[in-house]
């Protein structure tokens, strides 16, 4: 039994797991296994980036549209923070992304795009105006 990675990735993954569990290491598709393992890390980082972008977008909206501040925005901010904290707790190596300037720039850029689309306001700062430690602090909101 040999399933092609290219024709049925789910069947291939199940087959690879079986080979590992039965010690049939010579049958493993090492090239694709390595790719899939790397993809797990990328997926985790994408999840963090997505949640951070939503959080930052809501903080931007909070700061620049004070008349529209709502419990709904507060709930979203709280939910994103909680999910980010849980995600980092379950994948601690992701914490380093929060101090990576290029990564923060990329997620902030995404957040600005979200905020522009949702508000029509387009005069947001070019660089993230907040410290990540503040952004992730439970009760912190921008002035």
N, C-alpha and C. Protein backbone atom coordinates (compact mmCIF):
# COMPACT_ATOMS: atom_id res chain seq x y z
N UNK A 1 0.85 -1.17 0.00
CA UNK A 1 0.00 0.00 0.00
C UNK A 1 0.89 1.24 0.00
N UNK A 2 0.79 2.03 -1.05
CA UNK A 2 1.52 3.29 -1.15
C UNK A 2 0.59 4.33 -1.75
N UNK A 3 0.28 5.33 -0.95
CA UNK A 3 -0.61 6.39 -1.40
C UNK A 3 0.23 7.60 -1.76
N UNK A 4 -0.11 8.23 -2.86
CA UNK A 4 0.62 9.39 -3.31
C UNK A 4 0.21 10.64 -2.54
N UNK A 5 1.19 11.37 -2.10
CA UNK A 5 0.97 12.64 -1.43
C UNK A 5 0.17 13.58 -2.33
N UNK A 6 0.46 13.54 -3.62
CA UNK A 6 -0.16 14.46 -4.57
C UNK A 6 -1.60 14.10 -4.93
N UNK A 7 -1.99 12.86 -4.75
CA UNK A 7 -3.34 12.47 -5.16
C UNK A 7 -4.34 12.41 -4.00
N UNK A 8 -3.86 12.13 -2.77
CA UNK A 8 -4.77 12.07 -1.61
C UNK A 8 -3.96 12.30 -0.34
N UNK A 9 -3.80 13.55 0.04
CA UNK A 9 -2.94 13.91 1.16
C UNK A 9 -3.44 13.33 2.48
N UNK A 10 -4.74 13.18 2.66
CA UNK A 10 -5.27 12.62 3.90
C UNK A 10 -4.94 11.14 4.00
N UNK A 11 -5.17 10.39 2.94
CA UNK A 11 -4.81 8.96 2.94
C UNK A 11 -3.31 8.81 3.11
N UNK A 12 -2.54 9.68 2.46
CA UNK A 12 -1.08 9.65 2.58
C UNK A 12 -0.67 9.88 4.04
N UNK A 13 -1.28 10.88 4.70
CA UNK A 13 -0.93 11.19 6.09
C UNK A 13 -1.25 10.01 7.01
N UNK A 14 -2.40 9.39 6.81
CA UNK A 14 -2.76 8.22 7.62
C UNK A 14 -1.78 7.08 7.41
N UNK A 15 -1.38 6.90 6.17
CA UNK A 15 -0.41 5.85 5.84
C UNK A 15 0.94 6.15 6.50
N UNK A 16 1.38 7.38 6.44
CA UNK A 16 2.66 7.76 7.05
C UNK A 16 2.62 7.55 8.56
N UNK A 17 1.50 7.90 9.19
CA UNK A 17 1.35 7.67 10.64
C UNK A 17 1.43 6.19 10.97
N UNK A 18 0.81 5.37 10.14
CA UNK A 18 0.86 3.91 10.34
C UNK A 18 2.30 3.42 10.23
N UNK A 19 3.03 3.90 9.23
CA UNK A 19 4.44 3.49 9.06
C UNK A 19 5.25 3.86 10.29
N UNK A 20 5.01 5.03 10.85
CA UNK A 20 5.75 5.45 12.04
C UNK A 20 5.39 4.56 13.22
N UNK A 21 4.11 4.31 13.41
CA UNK A 21 3.65 3.51 14.56
C UNK A 21 4.12 2.06 14.48
N UNK A 22 4.27 1.56 13.28
CA UNK A 22 4.68 0.16 13.13
C UNK A 22 6.19 0.02 12.92
N UNK A 23 6.90 1.14 12.95
CA UNK A 23 8.36 1.09 12.79
C UNK A 23 8.81 0.83 11.37
N UNK A 24 7.96 1.06 10.40
CA UNK A 24 8.30 0.87 8.98
C UNK A 24 8.93 2.14 8.42
N UNK A 25 10.03 2.54 9.03
CA UNK A 25 10.65 3.82 8.70
C UNK A 25 11.18 3.90 7.28
N UNK A 26 11.54 2.76 6.73
CA UNK A 26 12.06 2.75 5.35
C UNK A 26 10.97 3.08 4.33
N UNK A 27 9.71 3.04 4.72
CA UNK A 27 8.61 3.34 3.81
C UNK A 27 8.17 4.81 3.87
N UNK A 28 8.73 5.56 4.80
CA UNK A 28 8.31 6.94 4.99
C UNK A 28 8.69 7.83 3.82
N UNK A 29 7.81 8.74 3.50
CA UNK A 29 8.02 9.76 2.47
C UNK A 29 8.63 10.97 3.19
N UNK A 30 9.94 10.93 3.42
CA UNK A 30 10.60 11.91 4.26
C UNK A 30 10.51 13.34 3.72
N UNK A 31 10.62 13.49 2.44
CA UNK A 31 10.57 14.83 1.84
C UNK A 31 9.24 15.52 2.15
N UNK A 32 8.16 14.81 1.89
CA UNK A 32 6.84 15.41 2.14
C UNK A 32 6.54 15.50 3.64
N UNK A 33 7.03 14.55 4.42
CA UNK A 33 6.85 14.64 5.87
C UNK A 33 7.52 15.89 6.42
N UNK A 34 8.71 16.18 5.97
CA UNK A 34 9.42 17.38 6.41
C UNK A 34 8.62 18.63 6.03
N UNK A 35 8.08 18.66 4.82
CA UNK A 35 7.27 19.81 4.38
C UNK A 35 6.05 19.98 5.28
N UNK A 36 5.39 18.86 5.58
CA UNK A 36 4.18 18.94 6.41
C UNK A 36 4.50 19.39 7.83
N UNK A 37 5.61 18.95 8.37
CA UNK A 37 5.99 19.37 9.72
C UNK A 37 6.26 20.87 9.73
N UNK A 38 6.95 21.37 8.72
CA UNK A 38 7.19 22.81 8.62
C UNK A 38 5.87 23.57 8.48
N UNK A 39 4.94 23.01 7.74
CA UNK A 39 3.64 23.66 7.54
C UNK A 39 2.85 23.78 8.83
N UNK A 40 3.03 22.84 9.75
CA UNK A 40 2.34 22.93 11.04
C UNK A 40 2.77 24.22 11.74
N UNK A 41 4.07 24.49 11.75
CA UNK A 41 4.56 25.72 12.36
C UNK A 41 4.04 26.96 11.66
N UNK A 42 3.99 26.92 10.34
CA UNK A 42 3.48 28.06 9.58
C UNK A 42 2.01 28.29 9.88
N UNK A 43 1.26 27.22 10.01
CA UNK A 43 -0.16 27.32 10.31
C UNK A 43 -0.38 27.97 11.67
N UNK A 44 0.40 27.56 12.65
CA UNK A 44 0.29 28.14 13.99
C UNK A 44 0.61 29.62 13.97
N UNK A 45 1.62 29.99 13.21
CA UNK A 45 2.01 31.40 13.11
C UNK A 45 0.95 32.21 12.37
N UNK A 46 0.32 31.62 11.35
CA UNK A 46 -0.77 32.30 10.63
C UNK A 46 -1.96 32.54 11.55
N UNK A 47 -2.26 31.57 12.41
CA UNK A 47 -3.35 31.73 13.37
C UNK A 47 -3.07 32.89 14.30
N UNK A 48 -1.86 32.97 14.81
CA UNK A 48 -1.48 34.07 15.69
C UNK A 48 -1.56 35.40 14.93
N UNK A 49 -1.06 35.44 13.72
CA UNK A 49 -1.08 36.68 12.93
C UNK A 49 -2.50 37.13 12.67
N UNK A 50 -3.37 36.21 12.35
CA UNK A 50 -4.77 36.56 12.08
C UNK A 50 -5.43 37.18 13.30
N UNK A 51 -5.24 36.56 14.44
CA UNK A 51 -5.84 37.07 15.68
C UNK A 51 -5.24 38.42 16.07
N UNK A 52 -3.93 38.56 15.89
CA UNK A 52 -3.27 39.83 16.21
C UNK A 52 -3.77 40.94 15.29
N UNK A 53 -3.95 40.65 14.02
CA UNK A 53 -4.45 41.66 13.08
C UNK A 53 -5.84 42.14 13.47
N UNK A 54 -6.70 41.21 13.84
CA UNK A 54 -8.06 41.58 14.26
C UNK A 54 -7.99 42.42 15.54
N UNK A 55 -7.16 42.00 16.49
CA UNK A 55 -7.01 42.75 17.73
C UNK A 55 -6.52 44.17 17.45
N UNK A 56 -5.46 44.29 16.66
CA UNK A 56 -4.91 45.61 16.36
C UNK A 56 -5.90 46.48 15.60
N UNK A 57 -6.64 45.89 14.68
CA UNK A 57 -7.65 46.65 13.93
C UNK A 57 -8.71 47.21 14.88
N UNK A 58 -9.14 46.42 15.83
CA UNK A 58 -10.15 46.89 16.79
C UNK A 58 -9.56 47.96 17.71
N UNK A 59 -8.31 47.83 18.06
CA UNK A 59 -7.68 48.87 18.88
C UNK A 59 -7.55 50.17 18.09
N UNK A 60 -7.24 50.07 16.81
CA UNK A 60 -7.20 51.26 15.96
C UNK A 60 -8.58 51.92 15.88
N UNK A 61 -9.59 51.10 15.64
CA UNK A 61 -10.95 51.63 15.58
C UNK A 61 -11.33 52.28 16.92
N UNK A 62 -10.96 51.64 18.01
CA UNK A 62 -11.25 52.16 19.34
C UNK A 62 -10.63 53.54 19.53
N UNK A 63 -9.38 53.67 19.10
CA UNK A 63 -8.67 54.93 19.29
C UNK A 63 -9.19 56.04 18.37
N UNK A 64 -9.46 55.71 17.14
CA UNK A 64 -9.78 56.73 16.15
C UNK A 64 -11.27 56.96 15.93
N UNK A 65 -12.10 56.14 16.53
CA UNK A 65 -13.54 56.35 16.43
C UNK A 65 -14.18 56.26 17.82
N UNK A 66 -13.79 57.18 18.72
CA UNK A 66 -14.30 57.10 20.09
C UNK A 66 -15.82 57.17 20.19
N UNK A 67 -16.45 57.86 19.26
CA UNK A 67 -17.92 57.98 19.30
C UNK A 67 -18.61 56.65 18.99
N UNK A 68 -17.87 55.73 18.36
CA UNK A 68 -18.46 54.44 17.99
C UNK A 68 -18.02 53.29 18.90
N UNK A 69 -17.27 53.61 19.95
CA UNK A 69 -16.83 52.56 20.87
C UNK A 69 -18.05 51.83 21.42
N UNK A 70 -17.93 50.50 21.49
CA UNK A 70 -19.09 49.72 21.92
C UNK A 70 -18.66 48.52 22.74
N UNK A 71 -19.63 47.94 23.40
CA UNK A 71 -19.39 46.69 24.14
C UNK A 71 -18.95 45.58 23.18
N UNK A 72 -19.48 45.61 21.98
CA UNK A 72 -19.11 44.61 20.98
C UNK A 72 -17.63 44.69 20.66
N UNK A 73 -17.11 45.90 20.47
CA UNK A 73 -15.68 46.06 20.22
C UNK A 73 -14.88 45.58 21.42
N UNK A 74 -15.32 45.94 22.62
CA UNK A 74 -14.63 45.49 23.83
C UNK A 74 -14.60 43.97 23.91
N UNK A 75 -15.73 43.33 23.57
CA UNK A 75 -15.80 41.87 23.60
C UNK A 75 -14.82 41.26 22.60
N UNK A 76 -14.78 41.84 21.40
CA UNK A 76 -13.85 41.32 20.39
C UNK A 76 -12.41 41.48 20.85
N UNK A 77 -12.08 42.62 21.41
CA UNK A 77 -10.72 42.85 21.92
C UNK A 77 -10.40 41.82 23.00
N UNK A 78 -11.32 41.64 23.93
CA UNK A 78 -11.11 40.68 25.02
C UNK A 78 -10.97 39.26 24.50
N UNK A 79 -11.84 38.87 23.57
CA UNK A 79 -11.80 37.52 23.01
C UNK A 79 -10.50 37.26 22.25
N UNK A 80 -10.05 38.23 21.48
CA UNK A 80 -8.81 38.06 20.72
C UNK A 80 -7.62 37.94 21.67
N UNK A 81 -7.59 38.78 22.69
CA UNK A 81 -6.49 38.69 23.68
C UNK A 81 -6.48 37.32 24.35
N UNK A 82 -7.64 36.86 24.74
CA UNK A 82 -7.72 35.56 25.41
C UNK A 82 -7.25 34.45 24.47
N UNK A 83 -7.71 34.48 23.24
CA UNK A 83 -7.31 33.46 22.27
C UNK A 83 -5.82 33.52 21.98
N UNK A 84 -5.28 34.72 21.89
CA UNK A 84 -3.83 34.87 21.65
C UNK A 84 -3.04 34.32 22.83
N UNK A 85 -3.45 34.66 24.03
CA UNK A 85 -2.76 34.16 25.22
C UNK A 85 -2.81 32.63 25.29
N UNK A 86 -3.96 32.05 24.99
CA UNK A 86 -4.07 30.59 24.99
C UNK A 86 -3.21 29.97 23.90
N UNK A 87 -3.19 30.61 22.75
CA UNK A 87 -2.40 30.10 21.63
C UNK A 87 -0.91 30.12 21.97
N UNK A 88 -0.46 31.22 22.56
CA UNK A 88 0.96 31.32 22.95
C UNK A 88 1.28 30.34 24.07
N UNK A 89 0.33 30.13 24.97
CA UNK A 89 0.54 29.16 26.05
C UNK A 89 0.70 27.74 25.48
N UNK A 90 -0.09 27.42 24.46
CA UNK A 90 0.00 26.07 23.89
C UNK A 90 1.15 25.93 22.90
N UNK A 91 1.63 27.06 22.35
CA UNK A 91 2.76 27.05 21.42
C UNK A 91 3.72 28.16 21.85
N UNK A 92 4.48 27.95 22.93
CA UNK A 92 5.30 29.02 23.51
C UNK A 92 6.33 29.63 22.56
N UNK A 93 6.80 28.88 21.59
CA UNK A 93 7.80 29.42 20.67
C UNK A 93 7.25 30.57 19.83
N UNK A 94 5.93 30.70 19.75
CA UNK A 94 5.33 31.80 19.00
C UNK A 94 5.56 33.15 19.67
N UNK A 95 5.87 33.14 20.94
CA UNK A 95 6.07 34.40 21.67
C UNK A 95 7.17 35.24 21.03
N UNK A 96 8.14 34.60 20.41
CA UNK A 96 9.23 35.34 19.78
C UNK A 96 8.73 36.19 18.61
N UNK A 97 7.65 35.78 17.98
CA UNK A 97 7.10 36.56 16.86
C UNK A 97 6.70 37.96 17.33
N UNK A 98 6.24 38.06 18.56
CA UNK A 98 5.76 39.34 19.08
C UNK A 98 6.87 40.37 19.23
N UNK A 99 8.12 39.92 19.20
CA UNK A 99 9.25 40.84 19.29
C UNK A 99 9.99 40.95 17.96
N UNK A 100 9.47 40.30 16.94
CA UNK A 100 10.08 40.37 15.61
C UNK A 100 9.49 41.56 14.86
N UNK A 101 10.32 42.58 14.63
CA UNK A 101 9.85 43.83 14.04
C UNK A 101 9.21 43.62 12.67
N UNK A 102 9.78 42.76 11.85
CA UNK A 102 9.21 42.51 10.52
C UNK A 102 7.83 41.87 10.62
N UNK A 103 7.69 40.92 11.53
CA UNK A 103 6.41 40.25 11.72
C UNK A 103 5.37 41.24 12.24
N UNK A 104 5.75 42.05 13.23
CA UNK A 104 4.82 43.04 13.78
C UNK A 104 4.42 44.03 12.69
N UNK A 105 5.38 44.47 11.87
CA UNK A 105 5.06 45.38 10.77
C UNK A 105 4.03 44.76 9.82
N UNK A 106 4.20 43.49 9.52
CA UNK A 106 3.28 42.81 8.59
C UNK A 106 1.88 42.70 9.18
N UNK A 107 1.78 42.31 10.45
CA UNK A 107 0.44 42.17 11.03
C UNK A 107 -0.20 43.54 11.24
N UNK A 108 0.61 44.54 11.57
CA UNK A 108 0.06 45.88 11.73
C UNK A 108 -0.47 46.40 10.38
N UNK A 109 0.26 46.12 9.32
CA UNK A 109 -0.18 46.51 7.99
C UNK A 109 -1.53 45.86 7.65
N UNK A 110 -1.67 44.58 7.99
CA UNK A 110 -2.96 43.89 7.80
C UNK A 110 -4.06 44.55 8.63
N UNK A 111 -3.72 44.91 9.87
CA UNK A 111 -4.69 45.53 10.76
C UNK A 111 -5.14 46.88 10.21
N UNK A 112 -4.21 47.64 9.68
CA UNK A 112 -4.56 48.93 9.09
C UNK A 112 -5.50 48.73 7.91
N UNK A 113 -5.22 47.75 7.09
CA UNK A 113 -6.12 47.46 5.96
C UNK A 113 -7.52 47.12 6.44
N UNK A 114 -7.62 46.31 7.47
CA UNK A 114 -8.93 45.95 8.03
C UNK A 114 -9.62 47.21 8.55
N UNK A 115 -8.88 48.01 9.31
CA UNK A 115 -9.48 49.22 9.90
C UNK A 115 -9.92 50.20 8.82
N UNK A 116 -9.13 50.37 7.79
CA UNK A 116 -9.51 51.27 6.69
C UNK A 116 -10.80 50.77 6.03
N UNK A 117 -10.86 49.47 5.75
CA UNK A 117 -12.05 48.90 5.12
C UNK A 117 -13.30 49.07 5.98
N UNK A 118 -13.13 48.99 7.29
CA UNK A 118 -14.28 49.04 8.19
C UNK A 118 -14.67 50.46 8.61
N UNK A 119 -13.73 51.41 8.49
CA UNK A 119 -14.01 52.76 8.96
C UNK A 119 -14.02 53.81 7.85
N UNK A 120 -13.30 53.56 6.77
CA UNK A 120 -13.14 54.57 5.73
C UNK A 120 -12.08 55.59 6.09
N UNK A 121 -11.59 55.52 7.29
CA UNK A 121 -10.54 56.42 7.78
C UNK A 121 -9.20 55.89 7.28
N UNK A 122 -8.36 56.77 6.72
CA UNK A 122 -7.11 56.25 6.16
C UNK A 122 -5.86 56.99 6.64
N UNK A 123 -5.94 57.59 7.81
CA UNK A 123 -4.79 58.34 8.33
C UNK A 123 -4.16 57.65 9.55
N UNK A 124 -4.11 56.35 9.51
CA UNK A 124 -3.49 55.62 10.62
C UNK A 124 -1.98 55.73 10.54
N UNK A 125 -1.32 55.59 11.67
CA UNK A 125 0.14 55.62 11.72
C UNK A 125 0.73 54.54 10.82
N UNK A 126 1.88 54.84 10.24
CA UNK A 126 2.52 53.88 9.35
C UNK A 126 3.08 52.69 10.13
N UNK A 127 3.56 52.96 11.34
CA UNK A 127 4.10 51.91 12.20
C UNK A 127 3.20 51.74 13.41
N UNK A 128 3.20 50.55 13.96
CA UNK A 128 2.37 50.27 15.13
C UNK A 128 2.75 51.22 16.26
N UNK A 129 1.79 51.98 16.76
CA UNK A 129 2.09 52.98 17.79
C UNK A 129 2.16 52.43 19.22
N UNK A 130 1.94 51.14 19.38
CA UNK A 130 1.86 50.57 20.72
C UNK A 130 2.88 49.46 20.92
N UNK A 131 3.20 49.24 22.17
CA UNK A 131 4.04 48.10 22.54
C UNK A 131 3.18 46.84 22.55
N UNK A 132 3.74 45.75 22.12
CA UNK A 132 2.97 44.50 22.13
C UNK A 132 2.58 44.11 23.55
N UNK A 133 3.42 44.45 24.52
CA UNK A 133 3.06 44.14 25.91
C UNK A 133 1.79 44.88 26.32
N UNK A 134 1.62 46.12 25.85
CA UNK A 134 0.38 46.86 26.14
C UNK A 134 -0.80 46.24 25.38
N UNK A 135 -0.58 45.97 24.11
CA UNK A 135 -1.64 45.42 23.26
C UNK A 135 -2.24 44.16 23.88
N UNK A 136 -1.40 43.36 24.51
CA UNK A 136 -1.85 42.08 25.07
C UNK A 136 -2.26 42.16 26.54
N UNK A 137 -2.17 43.35 27.14
CA UNK A 137 -2.59 43.53 28.53
C UNK A 137 -4.10 43.60 28.59
N UNK A 138 -4.68 42.81 29.48
CA UNK A 138 -6.13 42.62 29.54
C UNK A 138 -6.97 43.88 29.50
N UNK A 139 -6.70 44.85 30.33
CA UNK A 139 -7.57 46.02 30.42
C UNK A 139 -7.06 47.24 29.67
N UNK A 140 -5.95 47.09 28.94
CA UNK A 140 -5.37 48.24 28.25
C UNK A 140 -6.16 48.58 26.99
N UNK A 141 -6.44 49.86 26.83
CA UNK A 141 -7.05 50.38 25.61
C UNK A 141 -6.32 51.66 25.23
N UNK A 142 -6.14 51.91 23.94
CA UNK A 142 -5.44 53.14 23.55
C UNK A 142 -6.28 54.37 23.87
N UNK A 143 -5.58 55.45 24.19
CA UNK A 143 -6.27 56.70 24.54
C UNK A 143 -6.83 57.36 23.28
